[in-house]
Amino acid sequence: MGKKRRRLSKKVRLDYQVAFDQFEKNQQEGIAPARPKGHQYPCPDCCGSGLLPSAAAPIKDTENYPNVAIIGGGIGGVALAVACLHRGIPFTLYERDPNFDARSQGYGLTLQQASKAIEGLGIFTLEEGVVSTRHLVHTTEGKVIGEWGVRKWVPTHAKTSSKRSNIHIARQSLRQVLLEQLGGHDKVRWGHQLTGFKESENGNIDLTFQVEGEIKNASADLIVGADGIRSSVRRLLIGEETAPLRYLGCIVILGICPLNALEGLTSPLLDAATVFQTANGNDRIYIMPYTSDSVMWQLSFPMPEEEAKTLHAQGPEAIKKEACRRTQWHDPIPQILAATQENRISGYPVYDRELLTSDILQKASQATLIGDAAHPMSPFKGQGANQAVLDALALAREISKGCRPLSQWRKAGIRESVLTAFESEMLERSASKVKDSAEAAQFLHSEIVLHEGDEPRGRCLKKKNL
């Protein structure tokens, strides 16, 4: 876990002993005093990562650990593979796409809680990451109605030195860094589309894949679905009827614009360290640094589901036209959208699912889900990739702890030894993120977003409800 416990003080130990002696004296009536534990602190040897450098790759421990089949080579799946690699947990990573660049893996993402968690994956620097230190909210006329970030409070602070700043990075860039930590692209079984899995007579899981038109078989002790919001593992495991896709009433349009395409345009908003959003109570655009020389924009607005599907199907040209029509607002928004090439634009209806409960997953003795396969959420709180990374690290750590030598996990079962504890923590941690993300899909397209205050719009809503 990357942490150590401090030794208990003499006073704490003596107080506990007195309380325990009194409990024994009273013939164990009432509740026994809890044994105190020392406070945890980051381990100085590993800098809190839980990892130590090694000149050679860890050796797979097939005797003590389960063989894990990871379905899905996105952020969550590759992160889980890396976390398993570090702990000697045998795994195979399957991805349905034929190669890394077969399709878009999303645009940019913001590492929040996961900016610390990726250190637990052996990644201590992100060369392509961009740090933001200022966040602004505007009306469509350009009036600032909210500002926060380190530059608001410490104007002379160096713009990339805040320890608590969010890190913005292209999704594919983070995925590439994770694959490098894994050992390269050839560590992934590309072109494997899962078609089914079932428990075999010997207690393993038999998996079937479609590979280049042929059916191929494999086996594992544990299958993990990391294959996104339309997860094949989830569908085969619990069916689509349980918590089906839920439309959140709006569409998102994404685009990436290089700054050199904005000829003659200068703006303090385009300094590679500022995030800004503009809204009118219905439509809302969010613009953040994508790389040091480009920005990513996210336009969203309410739209009936069928209309959103139709616009998505019409392709980038129609999507860009609609985006430009809706955003004739203050500079530099119209210029950014106009300069964005159509091949860097996409749009899609926004969905999530109702939260799963532990009892639903309990039925799966040797399978589980992580990331969007387990708890998909809207993109408006920037939590999807963050939670997937946290899921991956938590599951690998739970396997390492629950399947250690002498644990007899094969006799007890992988669910009792690992999955029940992992899923309980995952579902509890992600529940508020799913809820807040769904609420954001509503209030970011309402008058609430126009509230004047130097804080994120979600905090304004919570204060209003108090």
Protein backbone atom coordinates (compact mmCIF):
# COMPACT_ATOMS: atom_id res chain seq x y z
CA MET A 1 0.00 0.00 0.00
CA GLY A 2 3.02 2.29 0.21
CA LYS A 3 2.43 3.12 3.86
CA LYS A 4 3.88 2.27 7.24
CA ARG A 5 2.41 2.52 10.72
CA ARG A 6 3.92 4.63 13.44
CA ARG A 7 4.68 2.95 16.76
CA LEU A 8 2.12 3.49 19.46
CA SER A 9 3.12 5.83 22.26
CA LYS A 10 3.60 4.40 25.72
CA LYS A 11 0.54 6.30 26.97
CA VAL A 12 -1.71 4.80 24.26
CA ARG A 13 -0.47 1.29 25.00
CA LEU A 14 -0.97 1.72 28.75
CA ASP A 15 -4.45 3.24 28.31
CA TYR A 16 -5.46 0.27 26.16
CA GLN A 17 -4.07 -2.22 28.69
CA VAL A 18 -5.97 -0.55 31.54
CA ALA A 19 -9.21 -0.59 29.51
CA PHE A 20 -8.71 -4.23 28.54
CA ASP A 21 -7.94 -5.27 32.13
CA GLN A 22 -11.11 -3.53 33.26
CA PHE A 23 -13.08 -5.37 30.57
CA GLU A 24 -11.67 -8.69 31.78
CA LYS A 25 -12.37 -7.76 35.39
CA ASN A 26 -16.01 -7.11 34.50
CA GLN A 27 -16.20 -10.65 33.08
CA GLN A 28 -16.18 -9.34 29.51
CA GLU A 29 -19.45 -7.45 29.84
CA GLY A 30 -20.12 -4.78 27.26
CA ILE A 31 -17.95 -4.06 24.23
CA ALA A 32 -14.28 -4.96 24.29
CA PRO A 33 -11.92 -2.01 23.77
CA ALA A 34 -10.58 -1.77 20.23
CA ARG A 35 -6.86 -2.48 19.90
CA PRO A 36 -5.24 0.82 18.87
CA LYS A 37 -3.33 1.17 15.62
CA GLY A 38 -0.57 3.59 14.85
CA HIS A 39 -1.17 6.33 12.30
CA GLN A 40 -0.08 5.50 8.75
CA TYR A 41 2.50 7.56 6.89
CA PRO A 42 4.02 7.28 3.39
CA CYS A 43 6.84 4.79 3.26
CA PRO A 44 10.10 6.71 2.63
CA ASP A 45 11.68 3.76 0.80
CA CYS A 46 9.06 3.71 -1.97
CA CYS A 47 7.84 7.33 -1.71
CA GLY A 48 4.36 6.04 -0.96
CA SER A 49 4.02 4.06 -4.19
CA GLY A 50 4.27 0.57 -2.70
CA LEU A 51 6.93 -0.26 -5.31
CA LEU A 52 10.71 -0.52 -5.35
CA PRO A 53 12.85 -0.21 -8.51
CA SER A 54 14.04 -3.46 -10.08
CA ALA A 55 16.54 -4.20 -12.82
CA ALA A 56 14.50 -7.18 -14.00
CA ALA A 57 10.81 -7.83 -14.52
CA PRO A 58 9.08 -9.60 -11.62
CA ILE A 59 8.63 -13.36 -12.02
CA LYS A 60 5.04 -14.56 -12.33
CA ASP A 61 3.98 -16.51 -9.25
CA THR A 62 1.67 -19.12 -10.77
CA GLU A 63 1.74 -21.26 -7.64
CA ASN A 64 0.20 -18.75 -5.24
CA TYR A 65 -1.69 -16.27 -7.42
CA PRO A 66 -4.70 -16.74 -9.74
CA ASN A 67 -4.29 -16.48 -13.50
CA VAL A 68 -6.20 -13.31 -14.43
CA ALA A 69 -7.87 -12.71 -17.81
CA ILE A 70 -8.27 -8.95 -18.33
CA ILE A 71 -10.84 -8.07 -21.00
CA GLY A 72 -10.28 -4.60 -22.41
CA GLY A 73 -7.08 -2.72 -23.21
CA GLY A 74 -8.19 0.79 -22.30
CA ILE A 75 -6.90 2.81 -19.35
CA GLY A 76 -8.40 0.54 -16.68
CA GLY A 77 -7.39 -2.74 -18.30
CA VAL A 78 -3.79 -1.72 -18.96
CA ALA A 79 -3.51 -0.21 -15.47
CA LEU A 80 -4.65 -3.52 -13.95
CA ALA A 81 -2.14 -5.43 -16.10
CA VAL A 82 0.67 -3.16 -14.90
CA ALA A 83 -0.38 -3.52 -11.27
CA CYS A 84 -0.47 -7.33 -11.68
CA LEU A 85 2.94 -7.33 -13.39
CA HIS A 86 4.54 -5.51 -10.46
CA ARG A 87 3.20 -8.07 -8.00
CA GLY A 88 4.02 -11.19 -9.97
CA ILE A 89 0.33 -11.94 -10.58
CA PRO A 90 -0.04 -13.91 -13.83
CA PHE A 91 -2.36 -12.25 -16.34
CA THR A 92 -3.30 -12.04 -19.99
CA LEU A 93 -4.62 -8.78 -21.44
CA TYR A 94 -7.14 -9.12 -24.29
CA GLU A 95 -8.36 -6.27 -26.51
CA ARG A 96 -10.90 -6.52 -29.33
CA ASP A 97 -9.26 -3.77 -31.43
CA PRO A 98 -6.64 -5.01 -33.90
CA ASN A 99 -4.04 -2.48 -32.71
CA PHE A 100 -3.40 0.55 -30.51
CA ASP A 101 -4.52 3.13 -33.07
CA ALA A 102 -7.54 1.26 -34.45
CA ARG A 103 -10.02 3.77 -33.03
CA SER A 104 -10.16 6.87 -30.90
CA GLN A 105 -9.74 6.16 -27.19
CA GLY A 106 -11.31 9.43 -26.17
CA TYR A 107 -9.75 12.85 -26.10
CA GLY A 108 -8.20 14.42 -23.00
CA LEU A 109 -8.66 13.55 -19.37
CA THR A 110 -7.89 15.20 -16.06
CA LEU A 111 -6.07 13.22 -13.41
CA GLN A 112 -7.39 14.17 -10.00
CA GLN A 113 -7.23 11.44 -7.31
CA ALA A 114 -5.47 9.21 -9.85
CA SER A 115 -2.55 11.64 -10.17
CA LYS A 116 -1.28 10.07 -6.93
CA ALA A 117 -2.54 6.57 -7.74
CA ILE A 118 -0.47 6.31 -10.93
CA GLU A 119 2.65 6.40 -8.76
CA GLY A 120 1.40 3.03 -7.52
CA LEU A 121 1.76 1.91 -11.15
CA GLY A 122 5.41 2.93 -11.26
CA ILE A 123 4.77 6.19 -13.15
CA PHE A 124 6.23 9.20 -11.36
CA THR A 125 6.32 11.74 -14.20
CA LEU A 126 4.05 12.39 -17.17
CA GLU A 127 6.11 14.27 -19.73
CA GLU A 128 3.07 15.03 -21.89
CA GLY A 129 0.92 16.08 -18.94
CA VAL A 130 -0.10 19.73 -18.61
CA VAL A 131 -0.81 21.33 -15.22
CA SER A 132 -3.58 23.91 -14.89
CA THR A 133 -3.47 26.57 -12.16
CA ARG A 134 -6.48 28.70 -13.06
CA HIS A 135 -10.15 27.94 -13.73
CA LEU A 136 -12.61 30.56 -14.98
CA VAL A 137 -16.36 30.58 -15.58
CA HIS A 138 -17.84 33.11 -18.02
CA THR A 139 -21.16 34.27 -19.31
CA THR A 140 -21.49 34.17 -23.09
CA GLU A 141 -20.54 37.87 -23.20
CA GLY A 142 -17.22 37.06 -21.50
CA LYS A 143 -18.01 38.33 -18.00
CA VAL A 144 -16.09 36.31 -15.36
CA ILE A 145 -18.53 34.93 -12.77
CA GLY A 146 -16.20 32.46 -11.07
CA GLU A 147 -12.47 31.93 -10.64
CA TRP A 148 -10.40 29.48 -8.63
CA GLY A 149 -7.00 27.82 -8.71
CA VAL A 150 -3.61 28.61 -7.24
CA ARG A 151 -3.15 31.76 -9.35
CA LYS A 152 -6.32 33.24 -7.86
CA TRP A 153 -4.86 33.09 -4.38
CA VAL A 154 -1.10 33.29 -5.04
CA PRO A 155 -0.72 35.41 -8.20
CA THR A 156 3.07 35.20 -8.30
CA HIS A 157 3.16 31.42 -7.91
CA ALA A 158 4.94 29.53 -10.69
CA LYS A 159 2.16 28.14 -12.84
CA THR A 160 3.32 24.51 -12.85
CA SER A 161 4.56 24.06 -9.29
CA SER A 162 1.40 23.44 -7.30
CA LYS A 163 1.42 19.99 -5.78
CA ARG A 164 -2.36 19.79 -5.80
CA SER A 165 -2.97 20.97 -9.37
CA ASN A 166 -4.83 18.71 -11.75
CA ILE A 167 -2.89 17.10 -14.59
CA HIS A 168 -4.41 17.21 -18.08
CA ILE A 169 -3.23 14.59 -20.54
CA ALA A 170 -4.42 12.99 -23.76
CA ARG A 171 -6.04 9.64 -23.03
CA GLN A 172 -3.89 7.90 -25.63
CA SER A 173 -0.75 9.44 -24.14
CA LEU A 174 -1.56 8.03 -20.71
CA ARG A 175 -2.44 4.69 -22.27
CA GLN A 176 0.90 4.68 -24.09
CA VAL A 177 2.81 5.41 -20.87
CA LEU A 178 1.00 2.52 -19.18
CA LEU A 179 1.82 0.19 -22.08
CA GLU A 180 5.49 1.17 -21.85
CA GLN A 181 5.41 0.29 -18.15
CA LEU A 182 3.85 -3.02 -19.15
CA GLY A 183 6.63 -3.74 -21.64
CA GLY A 184 5.19 -2.63 -24.97
CA HIS A 185 2.26 -3.21 -27.29
CA ASP A 186 3.11 -6.87 -27.84
CA LYS A 187 2.03 -7.58 -24.26
CA VAL A 188 -1.58 -7.20 -25.42
CA ARG A 189 -3.54 -9.88 -27.26
CA TRP A 190 -4.97 -7.61 -29.94
CA GLY A 191 -7.95 -8.56 -32.08
CA HIS A 192 -9.61 -10.77 -29.42
CA GLN A 193 -13.37 -10.25 -29.17
CA LEU A 194 -14.83 -12.09 -26.18
CA THR A 195 -17.85 -14.19 -27.13
CA GLY A 196 -18.42 -16.21 -23.97
CA PHE A 197 -17.08 -17.68 -20.75
CA LYS A 198 -18.18 -20.36 -18.29
CA GLU A 199 -16.88 -22.26 -15.30
CA SER A 200 -15.21 -25.54 -16.24
CA GLU A 201 -15.33 -28.87 -14.41
CA ASN A 202 -11.86 -28.33 -12.94
CA GLY A 203 -12.86 -24.99 -11.41
CA ASN A 204 -11.24 -22.74 -14.01
CA ILE A 205 -13.02 -20.35 -16.37
CA ASP A 206 -13.12 -21.31 -20.04
CA LEU A 207 -13.15 -18.29 -22.36
CA THR A 208 -13.95 -18.12 -26.06
CA PHE A 209 -12.80 -15.36 -28.42
CA GLN A 210 -13.40 -14.52 -32.03
CA VAL A 211 -10.03 -13.82 -33.63
CA GLU A 212 -9.85 -12.98 -37.34
CA GLY A 213 -13.02 -14.93 -38.01
CA GLU A 214 -11.97 -17.98 -35.99
CA ILE A 215 -12.93 -19.15 -32.50
CA LYS A 216 -10.08 -19.47 -30.02
CA ASN A 217 -10.19 -20.77 -26.46
CA ALA A 218 -8.37 -19.80 -23.27
CA SER A 219 -8.68 -20.44 -19.55
CA ALA A 220 -8.19 -18.41 -16.37
CA ASP A 221 -8.90 -18.42 -12.65
CA LEU A 222 -10.42 -14.93 -12.68
CA ILE A 223 -11.95 -12.82 -15.45
CA VAL A 224 -12.05 -9.02 -15.11
CA GLY A 225 -14.23 -6.92 -17.38
CA ALA A 226 -12.47 -3.64 -18.14
CA ASP A 227 -14.23 -3.24 -21.48
CA GLY A 228 -16.19 -0.04 -21.07
CA ILE A 229 -19.77 1.12 -20.78
CA ARG A 230 -21.02 -1.51 -23.27
CA SER A 231 -19.01 -4.26 -21.61
CA SER A 232 -19.27 -7.76 -23.09
CA VAL A 233 -18.24 -9.23 -19.73
CA ARG A 234 -21.01 -7.35 -17.96
CA ARG A 235 -23.61 -8.42 -20.54
CA LEU A 236 -22.58 -12.07 -20.27
CA LEU A 237 -22.34 -11.85 -16.49
CA ILE A 238 -25.53 -10.07 -15.41
CA GLY A 239 -27.40 -9.25 -18.62
CA GLU A 240 -28.44 -5.91 -20.09
CA GLU A 241 -31.74 -5.91 -18.17
CA THR A 242 -29.91 -5.27 -14.89
CA ALA A 243 -29.13 -1.55 -14.79
CA PRO A 244 -29.51 -0.82 -18.54
CA LEU A 245 -28.04 2.26 -20.20
CA ARG A 246 -29.66 5.43 -18.85
CA TYR A 247 -29.78 8.50 -21.09
CA LEU A 248 -28.84 11.66 -19.21
CA GLY A 249 -30.68 14.04 -21.52
CA CYS A 250 -27.76 15.71 -23.27
CA ILE A 251 -25.17 15.34 -26.00
CA VAL A 252 -21.44 16.03 -25.79
CA ILE A 253 -19.33 17.30 -28.69
CA LEU A 254 -15.55 17.08 -28.39
CA GLY A 255 -12.82 18.71 -30.42
CA ILE A 256 -9.05 19.33 -30.39
CA CYS A 257 -7.58 22.53 -31.79
CA PRO A 258 -3.85 23.28 -32.23
CA LEU A 259 -2.98 26.77 -31.09
CA ASN A 260 -1.02 27.48 -34.28
CA ALA A 261 -4.31 27.25 -36.19
CA LEU A 262 -5.50 30.42 -34.41
CA GLU A 263 -3.49 32.86 -36.53
CA GLY A 264 -3.35 36.38 -35.16
CA LEU A 265 -5.38 35.51 -32.06
CA THR A 266 -3.90 36.24 -28.65
CA SER A 267 -5.77 35.53 -25.45
CA PRO A 268 -4.72 35.07 -21.80
CA LEU A 269 -7.08 32.08 -21.76
CA LEU A 270 -4.74 30.19 -24.10
CA ASP A 271 -1.64 30.11 -21.91
CA ALA A 272 -1.53 26.28 -21.55
CA ALA A 273 -2.31 26.57 -17.84
CA THR A 274 -5.90 27.89 -17.81
CA VAL A 275 -9.16 25.95 -17.89
CA PHE A 276 -12.28 27.94 -18.71
CA GLN A 277 -15.94 27.31 -19.29
CA THR A 278 -18.74 29.44 -20.68
CA ALA A 279 -22.46 28.83 -20.32
CA ASN A 280 -25.86 30.39 -20.91
CA GLY A 281 -28.02 28.15 -18.73
CA ASN A 282 -28.62 25.65 -21.53
CA ASP A 283 -25.46 25.24 -23.63
CA ARG A 284 -22.05 24.94 -21.97
CA ILE A 285 -18.50 24.70 -23.30
CA TYR A 286 -15.44 23.61 -21.31
CA ILE A 287 -11.96 24.26 -22.74
CA MET A 288 -8.76 22.88 -21.22
CA PRO A 289 -5.10 22.45 -22.23
CA TYR A 290 -4.67 19.24 -24.21
CA THR A 291 -0.95 19.56 -24.80
CA SER A 292 1.40 22.51 -24.41
CA ASP A 293 0.39 23.70 -27.89
CA SER A 294 -3.26 22.63 -28.24
CA VAL A 295 -6.58 22.77 -26.42
CA MET A 296 -9.49 20.38 -26.10
CA TRP A 297 -13.06 21.64 -25.98
CA GLN A 298 -16.21 19.94 -24.77
CA LEU A 299 -19.55 21.42 -25.77
CA SER A 300 -22.71 19.98 -24.23
CA PHE A 301 -26.40 20.81 -24.32
CA PRO A 302 -29.77 19.12 -23.69
CA MET A 303 -31.26 17.21 -26.61
CA PRO A 304 -33.85 14.42 -26.95
CA GLU A 305 -32.19 11.02 -27.23
CA GLU A 306 -33.30 10.26 -30.79
CA GLU A 307 -32.13 13.67 -32.02
CA ALA A 308 -28.78 13.14 -30.30
CA LYS A 309 -28.40 9.74 -31.98
CA THR A 310 -29.28 11.28 -35.35
CA LEU A 311 -26.73 14.08 -34.99
CA HIS A 312 -24.08 11.54 -33.96
CA ALA A 313 -24.87 9.43 -37.05
CA GLN A 314 -24.61 12.43 -39.40
CA GLY A 315 -20.87 12.65 -38.79
CA PRO A 316 -18.25 15.32 -37.99
CA GLU A 317 -19.32 17.88 -40.61
CA ALA A 318 -22.86 18.16 -39.26
CA ILE A 319 -21.64 17.99 -35.67
CA LYS A 320 -19.18 20.84 -36.19
CA LYS A 321 -21.82 22.95 -37.91
CA GLU A 322 -24.18 22.52 -34.97
CA ALA A 323 -21.41 23.30 -32.48
CA CYS A 324 -20.41 26.50 -34.27
CA ARG A 325 -24.04 27.62 -34.58
CA ARG A 326 -24.52 27.35 -30.82
CA THR A 327 -21.32 29.10 -29.71
CA GLN A 328 -21.15 32.56 -31.27
CA TRP A 329 -19.95 33.82 -27.90
CA HIS A 330 -16.96 35.75 -26.56
CA ASP A 331 -13.43 35.28 -27.93
CA PRO A 332 -11.67 32.92 -28.37
CA ILE A 333 -14.54 30.38 -28.48
CA PRO A 334 -15.86 30.94 -32.04
CA GLN A 335 -12.32 31.02 -33.42
CA ILE A 336 -11.34 27.77 -31.66
CA LEU A 337 -14.35 25.86 -32.97
CA ALA A 338 -13.98 27.26 -36.49
CA ALA A 339 -10.28 26.30 -36.59
CA THR A 340 -10.87 22.73 -35.37
CA GLN A 341 -10.57 20.23 -38.20
CA GLU A 342 -13.52 17.91 -38.70
CA ASN A 343 -11.36 14.81 -38.23
CA ARG A 344 -10.67 16.01 -34.67
CA ILE A 345 -14.36 16.35 -33.78
CA SER A 346 -16.82 13.78 -32.47
CA GLY A 347 -20.16 13.83 -30.67
CA TYR A 348 -22.20 11.32 -28.73
CA PRO A 349 -25.28 11.05 -26.47
CA VAL A 350 -24.37 10.84 -22.77
CA TYR A 351 -25.31 7.71 -20.80
CA ASP A 352 -24.62 6.13 -17.45
CA ARG A 353 -26.14 3.19 -15.57
CA GLU A 354 -27.83 2.76 -12.22
CA LEU A 355 -25.38 1.72 -9.55
CA LEU A 356 -24.72 -1.97 -9.12
CA THR A 357 -25.08 -3.56 -5.70
CA SER A 358 -22.76 -6.09 -4.10
CA ASP A 359 -25.41 -8.83 -4.16
CA ILE A 360 -25.65 -8.64 -7.97
CA LEU A 361 -21.93 -9.20 -8.36
CA GLN A 362 -21.90 -11.88 -5.65
CA LYS A 363 -23.54 -14.24 -8.16
CA ALA A 364 -20.34 -14.19 -10.22
CA SER A 365 -17.99 -16.52 -8.39
CA GLN A 366 -14.89 -15.90 -10.53
CA ALA A 367 -15.59 -12.67 -12.39
CA THR A 368 -15.72 -8.97 -11.64
CA LEU A 369 -15.86 -5.57 -13.34
CA ILE A 370 -13.83 -2.37 -13.13
CA GLY A 371 -14.04 1.12 -14.60
CA ASP A 372 -16.93 1.99 -16.91
CA ALA A 373 -17.91 -1.67 -17.07
CA ALA A 374 -18.78 -1.48 -13.37
CA HIS A 375 -19.85 2.13 -12.83
CA PRO A 376 -20.14 4.25 -16.00
CA MET A 377 -20.70 7.95 -15.40
CA SER A 378 -21.10 11.16 -17.33
CA PRO A 379 -17.91 13.02 -18.31
CA PHE A 380 -18.90 16.21 -16.48
CA LYS A 381 -16.95 15.53 -13.27
CA GLY A 382 -13.91 14.08 -15.04
CA GLN A 383 -13.99 10.93 -12.91
CA GLY A 384 -14.21 8.02 -15.37
CA ALA A 385 -10.51 7.41 -15.95
CA ASN A 386 -9.64 8.36 -12.36
CA GLN A 387 -11.93 5.71 -10.93
CA ALA A 388 -10.73 3.09 -13.44
CA VAL A 389 -7.11 3.59 -12.32
CA LEU A 390 -8.12 3.43 -8.66
CA ASP A 391 -10.14 0.25 -9.34
CA ALA A 392 -7.20 -1.41 -11.08
CA LEU A 393 -4.72 -0.66 -8.30
CA ALA A 394 -7.19 -1.68 -5.58
CA LEU A 395 -7.96 -5.03 -7.25
CA ALA A 396 -4.29 -5.94 -7.76
CA ARG A 397 -3.50 -5.05 -4.15
CA GLU A 398 -6.44 -7.14 -2.93
CA ILE A 399 -5.28 -10.13 -5.00
CA SER A 400 -1.77 -9.73 -3.60
CA LYS A 401 -3.12 -9.62 -0.05
CA GLY A 402 -5.89 -12.22 -0.34
CA CYS A 403 -3.91 -14.81 -2.30
CA ARG A 404 -0.60 -14.68 -0.47
CA PRO A 405 1.11 -17.97 0.45
CA LEU A 406 -0.82 -20.13 2.97
CA SER A 407 -4.03 -18.18 2.27
CA GLN A 408 -5.75 -21.30 0.81
CA TRP A 409 -7.71 -19.07 -1.54
CA ARG A 410 -8.30 -21.91 -3.99
CA LYS A 411 -10.20 -23.79 -1.31
CA ALA A 412 -12.11 -20.73 -0.06
CA GLY A 413 -12.71 -19.36 -3.57
CA ILE A 414 -11.50 -16.19 -5.24
CA ARG A 415 -14.72 -14.38 -4.40
CA GLU A 416 -14.47 -14.88 -0.66
CA SER A 417 -10.72 -14.27 -0.62
CA VAL A 418 -10.58 -11.24 -2.92
CA LEU A 419 -13.63 -10.06 -4.84
CA THR A 420 -16.15 -9.39 -2.06
CA ALA A 421 -13.82 -6.98 -0.25
CA PHE A 422 -12.66 -5.34 -3.48
CA GLU A 423 -16.17 -4.80 -4.87
CA SER A 424 -17.45 -3.42 -1.58
CA GLU A 425 -14.72 -0.77 -1.54
CA MET A 426 -15.06 -0.02 -5.27
CA LEU A 427 -18.84 0.42 -5.21
CA GLU A 428 -18.75 2.57 -2.09
CA ARG A 429 -15.97 4.77 -3.48
CA SER A 430 -17.53 5.24 -6.92
CA ALA A 431 -21.16 5.69 -5.82
CA SER A 432 -20.83 9.40 -5.06
CA LYS A 433 -18.91 9.96 -8.30
CA VAL A 434 -21.67 8.40 -10.40
CA LYS A 435 -24.32 10.41 -8.54
CA ASP A 436 -22.43 13.70 -8.76
CA SER A 437 -21.67 13.15 -12.45
CA ALA A 438 -25.35 12.53 -13.21
CA GLU A 439 -26.33 15.65 -11.27
CA ALA A 440 -23.71 17.65 -13.17
CA ALA A 441 -25.37 16.64 -16.44
CA GLN A 442 -28.41 18.51 -15.18
CA PHE A 443 -27.10 21.57 -13.32
CA LEU A 444 -24.38 22.46 -15.84
CA HIS A 445 -27.18 23.02 -18.35
CA SER A 446 -29.35 25.11 -16.02
CA GLU A 447 -29.32 28.57 -14.43
CA ILE A 448 -27.25 27.17 -11.53
CA VAL A 449 -24.13 27.28 -13.66
CA LEU A 450 -24.51 31.08 -13.87
CA HIS A 451 -24.25 31.50 -10.11
CA GLU A 452 -21.53 34.01 -9.24
CA GLY A 453 -18.92 32.50 -6.94
CA ASP A 454 -15.25 31.55 -6.90
CA GLU A 455 -15.77 27.80 -6.64
CA PRO A 456 -16.78 24.83 -8.81
CA ARG A 457 -20.44 24.89 -9.82
CA GLY A 458 -21.19 21.65 -7.92
CA ARG A 459 -20.31 23.31 -4.63
CA CYS A 460 -22.71 26.13 -5.41
CA LEU A 461 -25.49 23.58 -5.86
CA LYS A 462 -24.69 21.79 -2.60
CA LYS A 463 -24.68 25.08 -0.67
CA LYS A 464 -27.99 26.03 -2.24
CA ASN A 465 -29.51 22.71 -1.10
CA LEU A 466 -28.32 23.10 2.50
